[in-house]
C-alpha atoms as a PDB file:
ATOM      1  CA  MET A   1       9.624  50.610 192.038  1.00  0.00           C
ATOM      2  CA  VAL A   2      12.364  53.113 191.359  1.00  0.00           C
ATOM      3  CA  LYS A   3      15.679  52.458 193.052  1.00  0.00           C
ATOM      4  CA  PRO A   4      17.594  55.513 194.259  1.00  0.00           C
ATOM      5  CA  PHE A   5      20.891  54.128 192.960  1.00  0.00           C
ATOM      6  CA  PRO A   6      21.635  52.108 189.838  1.00  0.00           C
ATOM      7  CA  LYS A   7      22.509  48.465 190.487  1.00  0.00           C
ATOM      8  CA  SER A   8      26.202  49.098 189.817  1.00  0.00           C
ATOM      9  CA  LYS A   9      26.320  51.674 192.637  1.00  0.00           C
ATOM     10  CA  GLN A  10      24.414  49.618 195.216  1.00  0.00           C
ATOM     11  CA  LEU A  11      26.449  48.097 198.008  1.00  0.00           C
ATOM     12  CA  TYR A  12      25.703  44.397 198.277  1.00  0.00           C
ATOM     13  CA  ASN A  13      27.506  42.277 200.831  1.00  0.00           C
ATOM     14  CA  LYS A  14      29.631  45.167 202.019  1.00  0.00           C
ATOM     15  CA  ARG A  15      29.857  45.100 205.805  1.00  0.00           C
ATOM     16  CA  SER A  16      31.377  48.068 207.531  1.00  0.00           C
ATOM     17  CA  LYS A  17      31.499  46.222 210.853  1.00  0.00           C
ATOM     18  CA  VAL A  18      33.289  43.030 211.858  1.00  0.00           C
ATOM     19  CA  THR A  19      30.859  40.203 212.672  1.00  0.00           C
ATOM     20  CA  GLN A  20      30.908  38.333 215.978  1.00  0.00           C
ATOM     21  CA  LYS A  21      32.160  35.208 214.221  1.00  0.00           C
ATOM     22  CA  GLN A  22      35.044  37.157 212.675  1.00  0.00           C
ATOM     23  CA  LYS A  23      35.984  38.553 216.103  1.00  0.00           C
ATOM     24  CA  GLY A  24      36.282  35.006 217.457  1.00  0.00           C
ATOM     25  CA  ASN A  25      38.319  33.656 214.554  1.00  0.00           C
ATOM     26  CA  ILE A  26      41.971  32.919 215.303  1.00  0.00           C
ATOM     27  CA  SER A  27      44.370  34.235 212.685  1.00  0.00           C
ATOM     28  CA  THR A  28      47.469  32.304 211.676  1.00  0.00           C
ATOM     29  CA  ASN A  29      49.682  35.003 213.192  1.00  0.00           C
ATOM     30  CA  VAL A  30      47.909  34.827 216.572  1.00  0.00           C
ATOM     31  CA  ARG A  31      47.972  31.018 216.476  1.00  0.00           C
ATOM     32  CA  GLU A  32      51.769  31.108 215.934  1.00  0.00           C
ATOM     33  CA  GLN A  33      52.273  33.576 218.806  1.00  0.00           C
ATOM     34  CA  VAL A  34      50.313  31.360 221.206  1.00  0.00           C
ATOM     35  CA  PHE A  35      52.272  28.293 220.078  1.00  0.00           C
ATOM     36  CA  GLU A  36      55.579  30.115 220.680  1.00  0.00           C
ATOM     37  CA  ARG A  37      54.410  31.126 224.169  1.00  0.00           C
ATOM     38  CA  SER A  38      53.421  27.567 225.115  1.00  0.00           C
ATOM     39  CA  ASN A  39      56.142  25.643 223.224  1.00  0.00           C
ATOM     40  CA  GLY A  40      53.454  23.087 222.396  1.00  0.00           C
ATOM     41  CA  ILE A  41      52.849  22.171 226.062  1.00  0.00           C
ATOM     42  CA  CYS A  42      49.442  22.589 227.723  1.00  0.00           C
ATOM     43  CA  GLU A  43      49.346  25.927 229.549  1.00  0.00           C
ATOM     44  CA  ARG A  44      47.050  24.551 232.237  1.00  0.00           C
ATOM     45  CA  CYS A  45      48.494  21.176 233.286  1.00  0.00           C
ATOM     46  CA  ASN A  46      52.027  21.664 231.866  1.00  0.00           C
ATOM     47  CA  SER A  47      52.338  17.945 231.185  1.00  0.00           C
ATOM     48  CA  GLN A  48      50.550  17.036 227.961  1.00  0.00           C
ATOM     49  CA  ARG A  49      50.985  18.181 224.390  1.00  0.00           C
ATOM     50  CA  ALA A  50      48.713  21.152 223.620  1.00  0.00           C
ATOM     51  CA  THR A  51      46.512  20.571 220.583  1.00  0.00           C
ATOM     52  CA  GLN A  52      43.708  23.136 220.967  1.00  0.00           C
ATOM     53  CA  MET A  53      43.220  26.859 221.438  1.00  0.00           C
ATOM     54  CA  ALA A  54      40.777  27.777 224.220  1.00  0.00           C
ATOM     55  CA  HIS A  55      39.204  31.237 224.363  1.00  0.00           C
ATOM     56  CA  ILE A  56      39.415  32.777 227.839  1.00  0.00           C
ATOM     57  CA  VAL A  57      36.416  34.939 226.962  1.00  0.00           C
ATOM     58  CA  GLY A  58      33.845  33.058 224.895  1.00  0.00           C
ATOM     59  CA  ARG A  59      33.598  33.782 221.191  1.00  0.00           C
ATOM     60  CA  LYS A  60      30.059  35.103 221.622  1.00  0.00           C
ATOM     61  CA  GLN A  61      31.046  37.540 224.367  1.00  0.00           C
ATOM     62  CA  ILE A  62      34.317  38.848 222.931  1.00  0.00           C
ATOM     63  CA  ASP A  63      34.163  42.529 221.955  1.00  0.00           C
ATOM     64  CA  HIS A  64      37.360  42.790 219.891  1.00  0.00           C
ATOM     65  CA  ILE A  65      39.299  40.729 217.361  1.00  0.00           C
ATOM     66  CA  THR A  66      40.953  37.758 219.085  1.00  0.00           C
ATOM     67  CA  ASN A  67      44.596  38.265 220.064  1.00  0.00           C
ATOM     68  CA  GLU A  68      47.146  36.006 221.788  1.00  0.00           C
ATOM     69  CA  LYS A  69      46.144  37.217 225.270  1.00  0.00           C
ATOM     70  CA  ASP A  70      42.595  35.894 224.711  1.00  0.00           C
ATOM     71  CA  LEU A  71      43.746  32.301 224.212  1.00  0.00           C
ATOM     72  CA  LEU A  72      45.218  29.377 226.086  1.00  0.00           C
ATOM     73  CA  HIS A  73      47.026  26.561 224.309  1.00  0.00           C
ATOM     74  CA  VAL A  74      45.676  23.448 226.024  1.00  0.00           C
ATOM     75  CA  CYS A  75      45.281  19.698 225.737  1.00  0.00           C
ATOM     76  CA  VAL A  76      41.847  18.155 225.075  1.00  0.00           C
ATOM     77  CA  PRO A  77      41.079  17.175 228.716  1.00  0.00           C
ATOM     78  CA  CYS A  78      41.986  20.669 229.967  1.00  0.00           C
ATOM     79  CA  HIS A  79      39.887  22.311 227.241  1.00  0.00           C
ATOM     80  CA  ARG A  80      36.905  20.185 228.293  1.00  0.00           C
ATOM     81  CA  TRP A  81      37.551  21.094 231.932  1.00  0.00           C
ATOM     82  CA  LEU A  82      37.693  24.810 231.101  1.00  0.00           C
ATOM     83  CA  ASP A  83      34.479  24.789 229.059  1.00  0.00           C
ATOM     84  CA  GLU A  84      32.326  22.208 230.819  1.00  0.00           C
ATOM     85  CA  THR A  85      32.956  22.340 234.571  1.00  0.00           C
ATOM     86  CA  PRO A  86      31.994  25.062 237.068  1.00  0.00           C
ATOM     87  CA  GLU A  87      35.590  25.153 238.350  1.00  0.00           C
ATOM     88  CA  GLY A  88      36.955  25.585 234.826  1.00  0.00           C
ATOM     89  CA  ILE A  89      34.508  28.375 234.018  1.00  0.00           C
ATOM     90  CA  LYS A  90      35.484  30.174 237.240  1.00  0.00           C
ATOM     91  CA  HIS A  91      39.144  29.734 236.306  1.00  0.00           C
ATOM     92  CA  LYS A  92      38.541  31.312 232.882  1.00  0.00           C
ATOM     93  CA  ARG A  93      36.689  34.249 234.501  1.00  0.00           C
ATOM     94  CA  ARG A  94      39.587  34.770 236.899  1.00  0.00           C
ATOM     95  CA  LEU A  95      42.042  34.778 233.968  1.00  0.00           C
ATOM     96  CA  ALA A  96      39.841  37.265 232.074  1.00  0.00           C
ATOM     97  CA  ASP A  97      39.680  39.552 235.110  1.00  0.00           C
ATOM     98  CA  GLU A  98      43.475  39.436 235.483  1.00  0.00           C
ATOM     99  CA  GLN A  99      43.870  40.267 231.799  1.00  0.00           C
ATOM    100  CA  ASN A 100      41.496  43.244 232.071  1.00  0.00           C
ATOM    101  CA  GLN A 101      43.463  44.649 235.023  1.00  0.00           C
ATOM    102  CA  GLN A 102      46.718  44.728 233.038  1.00  0.00           C
END
């Protein structure tokens, strides 16, 4: 089999498009911006120390690289509530809709 390009000219592992996983990744800069916004306090309950970043739009559905507007700095119980309860999921959808209107 004859290859149209020599091995040195072939493009291996060169993606021209950002993967879905890369879109969902949280950069250090974005993480710092969210922390500054929350001052380390949960943005949902405003009473506990925030230890986790919650995506408003799920990592699998996001269509751009994650920025500070896509995240909430929350405590563990609030993160579970947002991801695992019908009320929390509705709350995240409402936040996403508000963000899209701005």
